[in-house]
Amino acid sequence: MTNNMKTIKDLVDQLAPTIKSLQDSLTNSTNTNINTRLNKLQQEMTTLVKEATQMSGYKAALLTGLDTDANNQTACQILINVALDSPVAPSKVSHAQLVEKIKTALATLTDDSTPELNIQSVMQYRNGGTILEMMTAEAVAHLKKANVKENFIKTLDPKAIFKDRAYPVVIQFVPLMFDPDSEDPGP
C-alpha cells in the first residue's frame, strides 16, 4: 500500500501544475468573457440612453422645466383641421403613423433660426381635428409664422388648416344685433 500511496502522491504532484494552469486559464477566460459582455451591455445602454434623450416626452418636459398650468398648455398647442378624406385623416392613419408624419414635416423646417421643435403630445379626434402640443410656446409661435406654416402644411397635408383658438362670448343685456341709426333698442 505504501508503494501505491507514493505512486498516487507522485501523480498528484505531476498533475498539480497542469490543474493550476487550467484553473488560471479558466479564470482568465471567464473574466475576459464577463468583461466583454459587460462592455457590450454598457454600449447598448449608452445607445438606448442617447435614443431616449433624442425623443420628446416626459424626460424632455422635465428637462425644459415646463410650467403645466392651463394657460401655458394652451399656448403650446396648435389645432390642425384635416378633411375626412385627407391622407392623414383619423380613418386613414393610426396615431403612431400621424405622429411620424408630423415629425417628418417638422424635420423639413429646420434652419438656423428654428427653435427646438419637440412634440409633447398629439391628440387626434374622429372629426379630423388634431391638437399638436409642442414643448415650448416659442416652437408654436415659430410654426404659426406664415412661411413656416405654409411649408409645414404643404409637407403634412396641403388641405390641412391651422385653426386659432376662439371662444364665443355671450354678455347679458348686450344685443346681438345693433343698428346705431335706429332709436329702437331691438329685441
N, C-alpha and C. Protein backbone atom coordinates (compact mmCIF):
# COMPACT_ATOMS: atom_id res chain seq x y z
N MET A 1 0.80 -1.18 0.00
CA MET A 1 0.00 0.00 0.00
C MET A 1 0.85 1.26 0.00
N THR A 2 1.96 1.21 0.64
CA THR A 2 2.83 2.37 0.69
C THR A 2 3.36 2.71 -0.69
N ASN A 3 3.62 1.68 -1.42
CA ASN A 3 4.10 1.91 -2.78
C ASN A 3 3.00 2.58 -3.62
N ASN A 4 1.79 2.10 -3.46
CA ASN A 4 0.66 2.71 -4.17
C ASN A 4 0.43 4.16 -3.74
N MET A 5 0.59 4.41 -2.45
CA MET A 5 0.40 5.77 -1.95
C MET A 5 1.46 6.70 -2.52
N LYS A 6 2.67 6.19 -2.60
CA LYS A 6 3.74 7.01 -3.15
C LYS A 6 3.50 7.29 -4.63
N THR A 7 3.01 6.33 -5.36
CA THR A 7 2.70 6.49 -6.78
C THR A 7 1.59 7.53 -6.96
N ILE A 8 0.60 7.44 -6.11
CA ILE A 8 -0.51 8.39 -6.20
C ILE A 8 -0.01 9.79 -5.87
N LYS A 9 0.84 9.90 -4.85
CA LYS A 9 1.37 11.21 -4.48
C LYS A 9 2.21 11.78 -5.61
N ASP A 10 3.01 10.96 -6.25
CA ASP A 10 3.82 11.42 -7.38
C ASP A 10 2.91 11.89 -8.54
N LEU A 11 1.84 11.13 -8.79
CA LEU A 11 0.91 11.53 -9.85
C LEU A 11 0.24 12.86 -9.53
N VAL A 12 -0.15 13.03 -8.27
CA VAL A 12 -0.79 14.29 -7.86
C VAL A 12 0.20 15.43 -8.01
N ASP A 13 1.45 15.21 -7.60
CA ASP A 13 2.47 16.26 -7.74
C ASP A 13 2.72 16.62 -9.21
N GLN A 14 2.66 15.62 -10.08
CA GLN A 14 2.85 15.88 -11.50
C GLN A 14 1.64 16.60 -12.12
N LEU A 15 0.44 16.24 -11.66
CA LEU A 15 -0.77 16.85 -12.21
C LEU A 15 -1.07 18.23 -11.63
N ALA A 16 -0.58 18.53 -10.47
CA ALA A 16 -0.89 19.79 -9.78
C ALA A 16 -0.58 21.02 -10.64
N PRO A 17 0.61 21.13 -11.27
CA PRO A 17 0.85 22.32 -12.10
C PRO A 17 -0.10 22.40 -13.29
N THR A 18 -0.44 21.28 -13.89
CA THR A 18 -1.36 21.27 -15.02
C THR A 18 -2.75 21.73 -14.57
N ILE A 19 -3.19 21.21 -13.44
CA ILE A 19 -4.51 21.61 -12.92
C ILE A 19 -4.51 23.10 -12.58
N LYS A 20 -3.42 23.58 -11.97
CA LYS A 20 -3.32 25.00 -11.62
C LYS A 20 -3.37 25.87 -12.87
N SER A 21 -2.65 25.50 -13.92
CA SER A 21 -2.67 26.30 -15.16
C SER A 21 -4.05 26.27 -15.81
N LEU A 22 -4.75 25.13 -15.75
CA LEU A 22 -6.11 25.06 -16.28
C LEU A 22 -7.05 25.97 -15.49
N GLN A 23 -6.90 25.96 -14.16
CA GLN A 23 -7.74 26.83 -13.34
C GLN A 23 -7.48 28.30 -13.67
N ASP A 24 -6.21 28.66 -13.82
CA ASP A 24 -5.87 30.05 -14.14
C ASP A 24 -6.43 30.46 -15.50
N SER A 25 -6.29 29.57 -16.49
CA SER A 25 -6.80 29.90 -17.82
C SER A 25 -8.31 30.01 -17.82
N LEU A 26 -9.00 29.14 -17.08
CA LEU A 26 -10.45 29.23 -16.98
C LEU A 26 -10.86 30.53 -16.29
N THR A 27 -10.16 30.90 -15.24
CA THR A 27 -10.46 32.14 -14.53
C THR A 27 -10.25 33.34 -15.44
N ASN A 28 -9.12 33.36 -16.15
CA ASN A 28 -8.83 34.46 -17.08
C ASN A 28 -9.86 34.50 -18.21
N SER A 29 -10.19 33.33 -18.73
CA SER A 29 -11.16 33.24 -19.81
C SER A 29 -12.53 33.73 -19.34
N THR A 30 -12.93 33.30 -18.15
CA THR A 30 -14.21 33.70 -17.59
C THR A 30 -14.23 35.21 -17.34
N ASN A 31 -13.16 35.75 -16.78
CA ASN A 31 -13.08 37.20 -16.53
C ASN A 31 -13.14 37.98 -17.83
N THR A 32 -12.42 37.49 -18.85
CA THR A 32 -12.43 38.15 -20.14
C THR A 32 -13.83 38.11 -20.75
N ASN A 33 -14.46 36.96 -20.65
CA ASN A 33 -15.82 36.80 -21.18
C ASN A 33 -16.78 37.73 -20.45
N ILE A 34 -16.68 37.79 -19.13
CA ILE A 34 -17.55 38.67 -18.35
C ILE A 34 -17.29 40.12 -18.71
N ASN A 35 -16.02 40.51 -18.82
CA ASN A 35 -15.68 41.89 -19.19
C ASN A 35 -16.21 42.24 -20.57
N THR A 36 -16.09 41.30 -21.51
CA THR A 36 -16.60 41.53 -22.86
C THR A 36 -18.11 41.74 -22.84
N ARG A 37 -18.80 40.91 -22.09
CA ARG A 37 -20.26 41.03 -22.00
C ARG A 37 -20.65 42.35 -21.32
N LEU A 38 -19.93 42.74 -20.27
CA LEU A 38 -20.23 44.00 -19.58
C LEU A 38 -20.00 45.20 -20.50
N ASN A 39 -18.92 45.16 -21.27
CA ASN A 39 -18.66 46.26 -22.21
C ASN A 39 -19.76 46.36 -23.26
N LYS A 40 -20.19 45.21 -23.77
CA LYS A 40 -21.26 45.20 -24.77
C LYS A 40 -22.55 45.73 -24.17
N LEU A 41 -22.87 45.32 -22.95
CA LEU A 41 -24.07 45.80 -22.26
C LEU A 41 -24.00 47.31 -22.04
N GLN A 42 -22.82 47.80 -21.65
CA GLN A 42 -22.65 49.23 -21.42
C GLN A 42 -22.85 50.01 -22.73
N GLN A 43 -22.33 49.50 -23.84
CA GLN A 43 -22.52 50.16 -25.13
C GLN A 43 -24.00 50.20 -25.52
N GLU A 44 -24.70 49.08 -25.29
CA GLU A 44 -26.13 49.04 -25.61
C GLU A 44 -26.91 50.02 -24.75
N MET A 45 -26.57 50.10 -23.47
CA MET A 45 -27.25 51.04 -22.58
C MET A 45 -26.97 52.48 -22.99
N THR A 46 -25.75 52.78 -23.38
CA THR A 46 -25.40 54.13 -23.83
C THR A 46 -26.22 54.48 -25.07
N THR A 47 -26.35 53.55 -25.99
CA THR A 47 -27.15 53.78 -27.20
C THR A 47 -28.61 54.04 -26.84
N LEU A 48 -29.16 53.23 -25.93
CA LEU A 48 -30.55 53.41 -25.52
C LEU A 48 -30.77 54.76 -24.85
N VAL A 49 -29.83 55.17 -24.01
CA VAL A 49 -29.95 56.47 -23.34
C VAL A 49 -29.89 57.61 -24.35
N LYS A 50 -28.99 57.50 -25.33
CA LYS A 50 -28.90 58.53 -26.37
C LYS A 50 -30.20 58.61 -27.16
N GLU A 51 -30.78 57.47 -27.52
CA GLU A 51 -32.04 57.46 -28.25
C GLU A 51 -33.16 58.05 -27.41
N ALA A 52 -33.17 57.71 -26.13
CA ALA A 52 -34.23 58.22 -25.26
C ALA A 52 -34.14 59.72 -25.08
N THR A 53 -32.92 60.26 -25.03
CA THR A 53 -32.79 61.70 -24.84
C THR A 53 -33.15 62.45 -26.12
N GLN A 54 -33.05 61.81 -27.27
CA GLN A 54 -33.43 62.46 -28.52
C GLN A 54 -34.93 62.48 -28.70
N MET A 55 -35.64 61.61 -28.01
CA MET A 55 -37.08 61.55 -28.13
C MET A 55 -37.69 62.60 -27.21
N SER A 56 -38.81 63.17 -27.66
CA SER A 56 -39.50 64.09 -26.78
C SER A 56 -40.41 63.27 -25.88
N GLY A 57 -40.78 63.85 -24.80
CA GLY A 57 -41.67 63.16 -23.89
C GLY A 57 -41.46 63.63 -22.48
N TYR A 58 -41.70 62.74 -21.54
CA TYR A 58 -41.68 63.09 -20.14
C TYR A 58 -40.33 63.64 -19.71
N LYS A 59 -39.25 62.97 -20.10
CA LYS A 59 -37.92 63.42 -19.70
C LYS A 59 -37.63 64.80 -20.29
N ALA A 60 -37.95 64.99 -21.55
CA ALA A 60 -37.71 66.29 -22.18
C ALA A 60 -38.53 67.38 -21.50
N ALA A 61 -39.75 67.04 -21.12
CA ALA A 61 -40.59 68.02 -20.42
C ALA A 61 -39.98 68.39 -19.08
N LEU A 62 -39.47 67.41 -18.38
CA LEU A 62 -38.83 67.70 -17.10
C LEU A 62 -37.57 68.53 -17.27
N LEU A 63 -36.81 68.22 -18.30
CA LEU A 63 -35.56 68.95 -18.52
C LEU A 63 -35.80 70.39 -18.95
N THR A 64 -36.91 70.67 -19.63
CA THR A 64 -37.17 72.04 -20.06
C THR A 64 -37.86 72.85 -18.98
N GLY A 65 -38.27 72.22 -17.89
CA GLY A 65 -38.88 72.94 -16.79
C GLY A 65 -40.20 73.58 -17.16
N LEU A 66 -41.02 72.86 -17.88
CA LEU A 66 -42.29 73.42 -18.33
C LEU A 66 -43.22 73.69 -17.16
N ASP A 67 -43.93 74.80 -17.24
CA ASP A 67 -44.99 75.10 -16.31
C ASP A 67 -46.24 74.43 -16.86
N THR A 68 -46.93 73.67 -16.07
CA THR A 68 -48.04 72.89 -16.60
C THR A 68 -49.40 73.54 -16.38
N ASP A 69 -49.45 74.84 -16.08
CA ASP A 69 -50.76 75.45 -15.90
C ASP A 69 -51.49 75.53 -17.23
N ALA A 70 -52.81 75.76 -17.16
CA ALA A 70 -53.66 75.69 -18.36
C ALA A 70 -53.28 76.74 -19.40
N ASN A 71 -52.91 77.95 -18.98
CA ASN A 71 -52.57 78.99 -19.94
C ASN A 71 -51.33 78.62 -20.74
N ASN A 72 -50.35 78.10 -20.05
CA ASN A 72 -49.12 77.70 -20.75
C ASN A 72 -49.39 76.51 -21.66
N GLN A 73 -50.26 75.61 -21.21
CA GLN A 73 -50.57 74.44 -22.02
C GLN A 73 -51.25 74.84 -23.32
N THR A 74 -52.21 75.74 -23.26
CA THR A 74 -52.88 76.16 -24.49
C THR A 74 -51.96 76.99 -25.37
N ALA A 75 -50.99 77.68 -24.77
CA ALA A 75 -50.04 78.46 -25.57
C ALA A 75 -49.11 77.54 -26.35
N CYS A 76 -49.01 76.31 -25.92
CA CYS A 76 -48.12 75.34 -26.59
C CYS A 76 -48.87 74.44 -27.56
N GLN A 77 -50.14 74.74 -27.82
CA GLN A 77 -50.95 73.88 -28.67
C GLN A 77 -51.32 74.56 -29.99
N ILE A 78 -51.45 73.73 -31.00
CA ILE A 78 -51.92 74.17 -32.32
C ILE A 78 -53.03 73.21 -32.72
N LEU A 79 -54.15 73.76 -33.18
CA LEU A 79 -55.24 72.94 -33.67
C LEU A 79 -55.13 72.88 -35.19
N ILE A 80 -55.06 71.67 -35.70
CA ILE A 80 -54.96 71.46 -37.14
C ILE A 80 -56.19 70.68 -37.57
N ASN A 81 -56.94 71.23 -38.51
CA ASN A 81 -58.12 70.53 -39.05
C ASN A 81 -57.75 69.91 -40.39
N VAL A 82 -58.13 68.65 -40.56
CA VAL A 82 -57.92 67.97 -41.83
C VAL A 82 -59.27 67.44 -42.31
N ALA A 83 -59.42 67.35 -43.60
CA ALA A 83 -60.65 66.80 -44.17
C ALA A 83 -60.71 65.31 -43.88
N LEU A 84 -61.92 64.78 -43.81
CA LEU A 84 -62.09 63.36 -43.51
C LEU A 84 -61.58 62.46 -44.62
N ASP A 85 -61.39 63.00 -45.83
CA ASP A 85 -60.84 62.21 -46.92
C ASP A 85 -59.34 62.47 -47.09
N SER A 86 -58.75 63.19 -46.17
CA SER A 86 -57.32 63.53 -46.20
C SER A 86 -56.47 62.28 -45.96
N PRO A 87 -55.24 62.26 -46.48
CA PRO A 87 -54.37 61.11 -46.22
C PRO A 87 -53.96 60.99 -44.75
N VAL A 88 -54.12 62.06 -43.96
CA VAL A 88 -53.79 61.99 -42.54
C VAL A 88 -55.04 62.03 -41.66
N ALA A 89 -56.19 61.73 -42.25
CA ALA A 89 -57.45 61.68 -41.50
C ALA A 89 -57.41 60.50 -40.54
N PRO A 90 -58.14 60.60 -39.43
CA PRO A 90 -58.13 59.52 -38.43
C PRO A 90 -58.50 58.15 -38.99
N SER A 91 -59.35 58.11 -40.00
CA SER A 91 -59.74 56.82 -40.57
C SER A 91 -58.68 56.25 -41.51
N LYS A 92 -57.71 57.07 -41.90
CA LYS A 92 -56.69 56.63 -42.87
C LYS A 92 -55.35 56.25 -42.23
N VAL A 93 -55.02 56.87 -41.10
CA VAL A 93 -53.72 56.59 -40.46
C VAL A 93 -53.92 56.32 -38.98
N SER A 94 -53.02 55.53 -38.44
CA SER A 94 -53.04 55.30 -37.00
C SER A 94 -52.41 56.49 -36.29
N HIS A 95 -52.55 56.53 -35.01
CA HIS A 95 -51.97 57.62 -34.23
C HIS A 95 -50.45 57.64 -34.40
N ALA A 96 -49.82 56.48 -34.34
CA ALA A 96 -48.36 56.39 -34.49
C ALA A 96 -47.91 56.88 -35.87
N GLN A 97 -48.67 56.54 -36.90
CA GLN A 97 -48.32 57.00 -38.24
C GLN A 97 -48.48 58.51 -38.36
N LEU A 98 -49.52 59.07 -37.73
CA LEU A 98 -49.71 60.52 -37.75
C LEU A 98 -48.55 61.22 -37.05
N VAL A 99 -48.15 60.70 -35.91
CA VAL A 99 -47.03 61.30 -35.18
C VAL A 99 -45.76 61.28 -36.03
N GLU A 100 -45.51 60.18 -36.72
CA GLU A 100 -44.33 60.09 -37.59
C GLU A 100 -44.42 61.08 -38.74
N LYS A 101 -45.61 61.24 -39.33
CA LYS A 101 -45.77 62.21 -40.42
C LYS A 101 -45.55 63.63 -39.92
N ILE A 102 -46.03 63.92 -38.72
CA ILE A 102 -45.82 65.26 -38.15
C ILE A 102 -44.33 65.48 -37.88
N LYS A 103 -43.66 64.47 -37.33
CA LYS A 103 -42.21 64.59 -37.08
C LYS A 103 -41.45 64.81 -38.38
N THR A 104 -41.85 64.11 -39.43
CA THR A 104 -41.21 64.28 -40.73
C THR A 104 -41.43 65.69 -41.26
N ALA A 105 -42.66 66.19 -41.13
CA ALA A 105 -42.95 67.55 -41.58
C ALA A 105 -42.17 68.58 -40.77
N LEU A 106 -42.04 68.36 -39.47
CA LEU A 106 -41.27 69.28 -38.63
C LEU A 106 -39.78 69.26 -38.98
N ALA A 107 -39.28 68.09 -39.36
CA ALA A 107 -37.86 67.95 -39.70
C ALA A 107 -37.50 68.76 -40.94
N THR A 108 -38.47 69.02 -41.80
CA THR A 108 -38.19 69.79 -43.02
C THR A 108 -38.10 71.28 -42.75
N LEU A 109 -38.44 71.71 -41.54
CA LEU A 109 -38.50 73.14 -41.23
C LEU A 109 -37.25 73.68 -40.56
N THR A 110 -36.24 72.87 -40.40
CA THR A 110 -35.08 73.31 -39.62
C THR A 110 -34.16 74.22 -40.43
N ASP A 111 -33.80 75.33 -39.80
CA ASP A 111 -32.76 76.22 -40.30
C ASP A 111 -32.11 76.87 -39.09
N ASP A 112 -31.28 77.88 -39.29
CA ASP A 112 -30.53 78.48 -38.19
C ASP A 112 -31.42 79.16 -37.15
N SER A 113 -32.54 79.73 -37.58
CA SER A 113 -33.39 80.48 -36.66
C SER A 113 -34.50 79.62 -36.03
N THR A 114 -34.54 78.36 -36.35
CA THR A 114 -35.61 77.48 -35.86
C THR A 114 -35.33 77.07 -34.42
N PRO A 115 -36.31 77.29 -33.51
CA PRO A 115 -36.15 76.77 -32.15
C PRO A 115 -36.33 75.25 -32.18
N GLU A 116 -36.11 74.61 -31.05
CA GLU A 116 -36.31 73.17 -30.99
C GLU A 116 -37.79 72.87 -31.18
N LEU A 117 -38.09 72.03 -32.14
CA LEU A 117 -39.47 71.68 -32.46
C LEU A 117 -39.79 70.28 -31.93
N ASN A 118 -39.81 70.16 -30.61
CA ASN A 118 -40.10 68.88 -29.98
C ASN A 118 -41.58 68.77 -29.66
N ILE A 119 -42.14 67.63 -29.99
CA ILE A 119 -43.56 67.37 -29.74
C ILE A 119 -43.72 66.83 -28.33
N GLN A 120 -44.70 67.39 -27.60
CA GLN A 120 -45.03 66.83 -26.30
C GLN A 120 -46.13 65.78 -26.45
N SER A 121 -47.16 66.12 -27.24
CA SER A 121 -48.22 65.13 -27.47
C SER A 121 -48.98 65.48 -28.74
N VAL A 122 -49.66 64.48 -29.25
CA VAL A 122 -50.53 64.65 -30.41
C VAL A 122 -51.86 63.98 -30.07
N MET A 123 -52.93 64.78 -30.12
CA MET A 123 -54.27 64.24 -29.85
C MET A 123 -55.06 64.29 -31.15
N GLN A 124 -55.56 63.15 -31.55
CA GLN A 124 -56.26 63.03 -32.83
C GLN A 124 -57.73 62.73 -32.54
N TYR A 125 -58.62 63.52 -33.12
CA TYR A 125 -60.04 63.35 -32.91
C TYR A 125 -60.71 62.79 -34.16
N ARG A 126 -61.84 62.13 -33.96
CA ARG A 126 -62.54 61.49 -35.08
C ARG A 126 -63.05 62.47 -36.12
N ASN A 127 -63.29 63.72 -35.71
CA ASN A 127 -63.84 64.70 -36.65
C ASN A 127 -62.77 65.31 -37.55
N GLY A 128 -61.52 64.85 -37.43
CA GLY A 128 -60.45 65.36 -38.28
C GLY A 128 -59.58 66.38 -37.58
N GLY A 129 -59.97 66.78 -36.38
CA GLY A 129 -59.16 67.73 -35.63
C GLY A 129 -57.97 67.05 -34.98
N THR A 130 -56.87 67.74 -34.98
CA THR A 130 -55.66 67.24 -34.34
C THR A 130 -55.08 68.36 -33.51
N ILE A 131 -54.82 68.09 -32.24
CA ILE A 131 -54.15 69.08 -31.41
C ILE A 131 -52.71 68.63 -31.29
N LEU A 132 -51.84 69.50 -31.76
CA LEU A 132 -50.40 69.26 -31.71
C LEU A 132 -49.87 70.10 -30.55
N GLU A 133 -49.38 69.43 -29.52
CA GLU A 133 -48.84 70.14 -28.37
C GLU A 133 -47.31 70.08 -28.42
N MET A 134 -46.73 71.25 -28.48
CA MET A 134 -45.27 71.36 -28.56
C MET A 134 -44.70 71.55 -27.16
N MET A 135 -43.39 71.41 -27.03
CA MET A 135 -42.74 71.54 -25.74
C MET A 135 -42.70 73.00 -25.27
N THR A 136 -42.59 73.95 -26.19
CA THR A 136 -42.49 75.36 -25.80
C THR A 136 -43.43 76.22 -26.63
N ALA A 137 -43.79 77.37 -26.05
CA ALA A 137 -44.63 78.33 -26.76
C ALA A 137 -43.85 78.95 -27.92
N GLU A 138 -42.53 79.04 -27.80
CA GLU A 138 -41.70 79.58 -28.89
C GLU A 138 -41.80 78.70 -30.13
N ALA A 139 -41.86 77.40 -29.92
CA ALA A 139 -42.00 76.48 -31.06
C ALA A 139 -43.33 76.71 -31.76
N VAL A 140 -44.38 76.93 -30.98
CA VAL A 140 -45.71 77.19 -31.56
C VAL A 140 -45.70 78.51 -32.33
N ALA A 141 -45.10 79.54 -31.72
CA ALA A 141 -45.03 80.85 -32.38
C ALA A 141 -44.27 80.73 -33.70
N HIS A 142 -43.21 79.94 -33.70
CA HIS A 142 -42.44 79.74 -34.94
C HIS A 142 -43.28 79.03 -36.00
N LEU A 143 -44.02 78.00 -35.57
CA LEU A 143 -44.85 77.25 -36.53
C LEU A 143 -45.99 78.10 -37.09
N LYS A 144 -46.42 79.10 -36.34
CA LYS A 144 -47.53 79.95 -36.81
C LYS A 144 -47.08 81.05 -37.76
N LYS A 145 -45.78 81.21 -37.95
CA LYS A 145 -45.30 82.18 -38.94
C LYS A 145 -45.78 81.73 -40.32
N ALA A 146 -46.19 82.69 -41.13
CA ALA A 146 -46.84 82.38 -42.41
C ALA A 146 -46.03 81.42 -43.28
N ASN A 147 -44.77 81.73 -43.53
CA ASN A 147 -43.98 80.87 -44.43
C ASN A 147 -43.70 79.50 -43.82
N VAL A 148 -43.47 79.45 -42.50
CA VAL A 148 -43.21 78.18 -41.82
C VAL A 148 -44.48 77.33 -41.83
N LYS A 149 -45.61 77.97 -41.51
CA LYS A 149 -46.89 77.26 -41.50
C LYS A 149 -47.19 76.69 -42.88
N GLU A 150 -46.94 77.49 -43.91
CA GLU A 150 -47.20 77.04 -45.29
C GLU A 150 -46.36 75.81 -45.63
N ASN A 151 -45.08 75.84 -45.30
CA ASN A 151 -44.20 74.69 -45.59
C ASN A 151 -44.61 73.46 -44.78
N PHE A 152 -44.97 73.67 -43.51
CA PHE A 152 -45.39 72.56 -42.66
C PHE A 152 -46.65 71.90 -43.21
N ILE A 153 -47.65 72.73 -43.55
CA ILE A 153 -48.92 72.22 -44.07
C ILE A 153 -48.70 71.52 -45.41
N LYS A 154 -47.84 72.11 -46.25
CA LYS A 154 -47.57 71.51 -47.57
C LYS A 154 -46.97 70.11 -47.41
N THR A 155 -46.11 69.94 -46.42
CA THR A 155 -45.47 68.64 -46.20
C THR A 155 -46.44 67.66 -45.53
N LEU A 156 -47.22 68.15 -44.57
CA LEU A 156 -48.12 67.27 -43.83
C LEU A 156 -49.34 66.89 -44.68
N ASP A 157 -50.11 67.90 -45.09
CA ASP A 157 -51.30 67.70 -45.92
C ASP A 157 -51.71 69.06 -46.48
N PRO A 158 -51.62 69.25 -47.79
CA PRO A 158 -51.92 70.56 -48.38
C PRO A 158 -53.33 71.09 -48.08
N LYS A 159 -54.27 70.22 -47.74
CA LYS A 159 -55.63 70.66 -47.45
C LYS A 159 -55.84 70.98 -45.96
N ALA A 160 -54.84 70.73 -45.13
CA ALA A 160 -54.98 70.97 -43.69
C ALA A 160 -55.03 72.47 -43.40
N ILE A 161 -55.65 72.81 -42.28
CA ILE A 161 -55.82 74.21 -41.90
C ILE A 161 -55.43 74.38 -40.44
N PHE A 162 -54.63 75.41 -40.14
CA PHE A 162 -54.36 75.79 -38.76
C PHE A 162 -55.57 76.57 -38.26
N LYS A 163 -56.10 76.23 -37.12
CA LYS A 163 -57.24 76.95 -36.56
C LYS A 163 -56.77 77.66 -35.29
N ASP A 164 -57.12 78.95 -35.18
CA ASP A 164 -56.82 79.69 -33.96
C ASP A 164 -57.86 79.36 -32.91
N ARG A 165 -57.45 79.45 -31.67
CA ARG A 165 -58.41 79.26 -30.58
C ARG A 165 -59.33 80.46 -30.53
N ALA A 166 -60.61 80.20 -30.56
CA ALA A 166 -61.60 81.26 -30.46
C ALA A 166 -62.68 80.81 -29.49
N TYR A 167 -63.13 81.74 -28.69
CA TYR A 167 -64.15 81.42 -27.70
C TYR A 167 -65.35 82.32 -27.90
N PRO A 168 -66.55 81.74 -28.01
CA PRO A 168 -67.73 82.59 -28.12
C PRO A 168 -67.99 83.27 -26.77
N VAL A 169 -68.31 84.54 -26.83
CA VAL A 169 -68.58 85.29 -25.61
C VAL A 169 -70.01 85.80 -25.68
N VAL A 170 -70.79 85.50 -24.66
CA VAL A 170 -72.16 85.98 -24.57
C VAL A 170 -72.23 86.85 -23.32
N ILE A 171 -72.66 88.10 -23.51
CA ILE A 171 -72.74 89.04 -22.40
C ILE A 171 -74.21 89.39 -22.19
N GLN A 172 -74.65 89.28 -20.95
CA GLN A 172 -76.04 89.55 -20.63
C GLN A 172 -76.37 91.03 -20.89
N PHE A 173 -77.52 91.28 -21.45
CA PHE A 173 -78.07 92.61 -21.77
C PHE A 173 -77.31 93.33 -22.88
N VAL A 174 -76.52 92.63 -23.63
CA VAL A 174 -75.87 93.23 -24.79
C VAL A 174 -76.54 92.64 -26.02
N PRO A 175 -77.13 93.51 -26.85
CA PRO A 175 -77.86 92.99 -28.01
C PRO A 175 -76.90 92.33 -29.02
N LEU A 176 -77.39 91.27 -29.63
CA LEU A 176 -76.59 90.59 -30.64
C LEU A 176 -76.61 91.37 -31.95
N MET A 177 -77.69 92.07 -32.18
CA MET A 177 -77.80 92.90 -33.38
C MET A 177 -78.02 94.32 -32.92
N PHE A 178 -77.31 95.22 -33.50
CA PHE A 178 -77.43 96.61 -33.09
C PHE A 178 -77.32 97.51 -34.30
N ASP A 179 -78.30 98.38 -34.44
CA ASP A 179 -78.30 99.37 -35.52
C ASP A 179 -78.19 100.75 -34.88
N PRO A 180 -77.05 101.40 -35.01
CA PRO A 180 -76.85 102.68 -34.34
C PRO A 180 -77.78 103.78 -34.87
N ASP A 181 -78.33 103.62 -36.06
CA ASP A 181 -79.24 104.65 -36.61
C ASP A 181 -80.66 104.50 -36.08
N SER A 182 -80.98 103.36 -35.52
CA SER A 182 -82.33 103.09 -35.06
C SER A 182 -82.49 103.54 -33.62
N GLU A 183 -83.67 104.13 -33.31
CA GLU A 183 -83.97 104.51 -31.94
C GLU A 183 -84.50 103.33 -31.16
N ASP A 184 -84.96 102.32 -31.85
CA ASP A 184 -85.49 101.13 -31.20
C ASP A 184 -84.32 100.27 -30.70
N PRO A 185 -84.28 99.96 -29.40
CA PRO A 185 -83.16 99.17 -28.88
C PRO A 185 -83.14 97.74 -29.38
N GLY A 186 -84.17 97.30 -30.03
CA GLY A 186 -84.19 95.95 -30.58
C GLY A 186 -84.69 94.95 -29.58
N PRO A 187 -84.65 93.69 -29.95
CA PRO A 187 -85.21 92.65 -29.10
C PRO A 187 -84.39 92.41 -27.84
